[in-house]
Amino acid sequence: MSYSKKLEEFILHLKGGVFFLSPREKIFLRFLEELGVPESIVRTGVEECYRAVNPMKRSKHPLFLCFRSIMEAYENHLRLEAQKIDIDWRKRFRKKLDLVKDLIKTSVKEPESEEEAQKILKEIETRIVRDLWKRLSKEEKKRIKEKYKDLEKNKEIYGELIKAEVKKLFGIPDLSLYTD
């Protein structure tokens, strides 16, 4: 999957007065693509984000600051898709836990709702990634940090990029009720 040139043109149009995306913005789009976020969802999230920015300031508003809007749109999309096929969230919750049971160091509370189950899974994923990060050599940590140094100032996206890299290194699946 590769995002189309039309998406880039759409983003440039929203930003206004900009002729190309910065290298950091292109890295960000590759990251979203690696996460598997469909182009239509990126488009929706970016549009939502830029609608909230003063048109006179959009050209200076970095694309990666739209991360939260894009991920909210993606989560909503995944939830709606799961509802269409009427998933058994309890079963999926247990299945996801089974995938990482060897990495979970504490007992896991049984969720009372689908939303709580999703939240618990994401918290577990974060804890696992933190533990795995601590196991990495200084050289490996340095390599990963260097790869994303251009986005270091934006802590949220920088953290997500590093998290994705650690998950990829250790083969950790996405702990979400809504992804396979």
Protein backbone atom coordinates (compact mmCIF):
# COMPACT_ATOMS: atom_id res chain seq x y z
CA MET A 1 0.00 0.00 0.00
CA SER A 2 1.32 3.39 -0.89
CA TYR A 3 -0.46 6.65 -0.36
CA SER A 4 -1.38 8.39 -3.58
CA LYS A 5 -0.06 11.65 -4.88
CA LYS A 6 -3.63 12.93 -4.48
CA LEU A 7 -3.33 12.67 -0.69
CA GLU A 8 -0.21 14.81 -0.72
CA GLU A 9 -1.94 17.34 -3.00
CA PHE A 10 -4.96 17.35 -0.68
CA ILE A 11 -2.73 18.09 2.32
CA LEU A 12 -0.88 20.83 0.45
CA HIS A 13 -4.21 22.37 -0.56
CA LEU A 14 -5.39 22.37 3.07
CA LYS A 15 -2.14 23.91 4.25
CA GLY A 16 -2.33 26.59 1.55
CA GLY A 17 0.71 28.48 0.30
CA VAL A 18 2.97 25.44 0.60
CA PHE A 19 4.51 23.70 -2.42
CA PHE A 20 5.84 20.50 -0.83
CA LEU A 21 5.75 18.48 2.36
CA SER A 22 8.79 18.63 4.62
CA PRO A 23 10.98 15.55 5.12
CA ARG A 24 9.50 15.17 8.63
CA GLU A 25 5.99 15.21 7.20
CA LYS A 26 6.94 12.52 4.68
CA ILE A 27 8.41 10.39 7.48
CA PHE A 28 5.15 10.86 9.34
CA LEU A 29 3.10 9.70 6.34
CA ARG A 30 5.33 6.62 5.97
CA PHE A 31 4.75 5.88 9.66
CA LEU A 32 0.97 6.09 9.20
CA GLU A 33 1.26 3.83 6.18
CA GLU A 34 3.28 1.29 8.20
CA LEU A 35 0.58 1.39 10.88
CA GLY A 36 -1.88 0.44 8.16
CA VAL A 37 -4.00 3.57 8.39
CA PRO A 38 -6.05 3.71 5.18
CA GLU A 39 -5.54 6.76 3.00
CA SER A 40 -9.19 7.77 3.35
CA ILE A 41 -8.82 7.84 7.13
CA VAL A 42 -5.62 9.89 6.95
CA ARG A 43 -7.51 12.30 4.71
CA THR A 44 -10.42 12.53 7.19
CA GLY A 45 -8.10 13.07 10.17
CA VAL A 46 -6.00 15.68 8.39
CA GLU A 47 -9.10 17.55 7.25
CA GLU A 48 -10.50 17.52 10.79
CA CYS A 49 -7.19 18.76 12.16
CA TYR A 50 -6.70 21.59 9.70
CA ARG A 51 -10.29 22.76 10.03
CA ALA A 52 -9.43 23.61 13.64
CA VAL A 53 -6.39 25.69 12.59
CA ASN A 54 -6.67 29.32 11.57
CA PRO A 55 -6.38 29.38 7.74
CA MET A 56 -3.69 32.05 8.01
CA LYS A 57 -1.55 29.69 10.15
CA ARG A 58 -2.13 26.41 8.32
CA SER A 59 0.94 26.65 6.09
CA LYS A 60 3.16 26.64 9.18
CA HIS A 61 1.20 23.89 11.00
CA PRO A 62 3.22 20.65 10.70
CA LEU A 63 1.29 17.65 9.46
CA PHE A 64 2.43 15.45 12.33
CA LEU A 65 0.51 17.67 14.75
CA CYS A 66 -2.56 16.05 13.19
CA PHE A 67 -1.55 12.69 14.67
CA ARG A 68 -4.25 12.68 17.35
CA SER A 69 -7.02 13.58 14.87
CA ILE A 70 -5.86 10.88 12.46
CA MET A 71 -5.63 8.22 15.15
CA GLU A 72 -9.06 9.14 16.53
CA ALA A 73 -10.52 8.81 13.03
CA TYR A 74 -8.70 5.47 12.60
CA GLU A 75 -9.91 4.12 15.95
CA ASN A 76 -13.45 5.16 15.10
CA HIS A 77 -13.16 3.50 11.69
CA LEU A 78 -11.88 0.26 13.23
CA ARG A 79 -14.64 0.27 15.83
CA LEU A 80 -17.33 0.75 13.17
CA GLU A 81 -15.86 -2.04 11.05
CA ALA A 82 -15.81 -4.36 14.06
CA GLN A 83 -19.44 -3.52 14.84
CA LYS A 84 -20.45 -4.43 11.30
CA ILE A 85 -19.25 -7.96 11.84
CA ASP A 86 -20.48 -7.98 15.45
CA ILE A 87 -17.23 -9.01 17.14
CA ASP A 88 -17.20 -10.76 20.48
CA TRP A 89 -14.98 -8.26 22.25
CA ARG A 90 -14.48 -10.51 25.32
CA LYS A 91 -13.19 -13.33 23.13
CA ARG A 92 -10.92 -10.97 21.20
CA PHE A 93 -9.65 -9.48 24.46
CA ARG A 94 -8.60 -12.91 25.72
CA LYS A 95 -7.10 -13.80 22.33
CA LYS A 96 -4.97 -10.65 22.35
CA LEU A 97 -3.81 -11.36 25.90
CA ASP A 98 -2.83 -14.88 24.88
CA LEU A 99 -0.57 -13.46 22.17
CA VAL A 100 1.57 -11.68 24.78
CA LYS A 101 0.94 -13.74 27.92
CA ASP A 102 4.67 -14.46 28.33
CA LEU A 103 5.40 -10.72 28.44
CA ILE A 104 2.70 -9.73 30.95
CA LYS A 105 4.13 -9.55 34.44
CA THR A 106 0.95 -8.84 36.41
CA SER A 107 -2.58 -10.16 36.51
CA VAL A 108 -5.06 -8.52 34.20
CA LYS A 109 -8.43 -7.32 35.38
CA GLU A 110 -11.45 -8.61 33.48
CA PRO A 111 -13.00 -5.62 31.66
CA GLU A 112 -16.64 -4.75 32.08
CA SER A 113 -17.05 -3.01 28.74
CA GLU A 114 -15.61 -2.97 25.25
CA GLU A 115 -14.10 0.47 25.86
CA GLU A 116 -12.43 -0.70 29.06
CA ALA A 117 -11.06 -3.77 27.26
CA GLN A 118 -9.50 -1.59 24.57
CA LYS A 119 -7.99 0.72 27.19
CA ILE A 120 -6.51 -2.22 29.13
CA LEU A 121 -4.97 -3.67 25.98
CA LYS A 122 -3.35 -0.37 25.07
CA GLU A 123 -1.97 0.03 28.60
CA ILE A 124 -0.51 -3.48 28.45
CA GLU A 125 1.02 -2.75 25.06
CA THR A 126 2.67 0.39 26.46
CA ARG A 127 4.06 -1.50 29.48
CA ILE A 128 5.44 -4.29 27.29
CA VAL A 129 7.13 -1.82 24.96
CA ARG A 130 8.68 0.04 27.92
CA ASP A 131 10.06 -3.24 29.31
CA LEU A 132 11.43 -4.24 25.92
CA TRP A 133 12.98 -0.81 25.44
CA LYS A 134 14.90 -1.30 28.69
CA ARG A 135 16.29 -4.59 27.34
CA LEU A 136 17.73 -3.00 24.21
CA SER A 137 21.43 -2.25 24.02
CA LYS A 138 22.58 1.36 24.12
CA GLU A 139 23.59 1.05 20.48
CA GLU A 140 20.15 -0.18 19.40
CA LYS A 141 18.41 2.60 21.35
CA LYS A 142 20.71 5.14 19.76
CA ARG A 143 19.99 3.75 16.28
CA ILE A 144 16.24 3.99 16.82
CA LYS A 145 16.43 7.50 18.26
CA GLU A 146 18.63 8.61 15.38
CA LYS A 147 16.12 7.25 12.86
CA TYR A 148 13.43 9.59 14.22
CA LYS A 149 15.51 12.50 15.51
CA ASP A 150 13.76 14.95 13.17
CA LEU A 151 10.53 14.43 15.12
CA GLU A 152 12.05 14.46 18.59
CA LYS A 153 10.51 17.80 19.53
CA ASN A 154 7.00 16.43 19.18
CA LYS A 155 6.95 14.00 22.11
CA GLU A 156 3.68 12.32 21.20
CA ILE A 157 4.57 11.31 17.66
CA TYR A 158 8.21 10.64 18.60
CA GLY A 159 7.05 8.23 21.31
CA GLU A 160 4.67 6.48 18.92
CA LEU A 161 7.38 6.08 16.29
CA ILE A 162 9.75 4.55 18.81
CA LYS A 163 6.97 2.33 20.16
CA ALA A 164 6.21 1.09 16.63
CA GLU A 165 9.90 0.40 16.01
CA VAL A 166 10.26 -1.61 19.24
CA LYS A 167 7.09 -3.58 18.44
CA LYS A 168 8.48 -4.37 15.00
CA LEU A 169 11.86 -5.43 16.40
CA PHE A 170 10.33 -7.86 18.88
CA GLY A 171 7.36 -8.94 16.75
CA ILE A 172 4.78 -7.59 19.17
CA PRO A 173 1.29 -7.56 17.63
CA ASP A 174 -0.99 -4.56 17.81
CA LEU A 175 -2.98 -4.99 21.01
CA SER A 176 -6.30 -3.65 19.86
CA LEU A 177 -9.69 -5.28 19.81
CA TYR A 178 -10.19 -3.95 16.33
CA THR A 179 -7.14 -5.20 14.44
CA ASP A 180 -6.10 -8.72 13.52
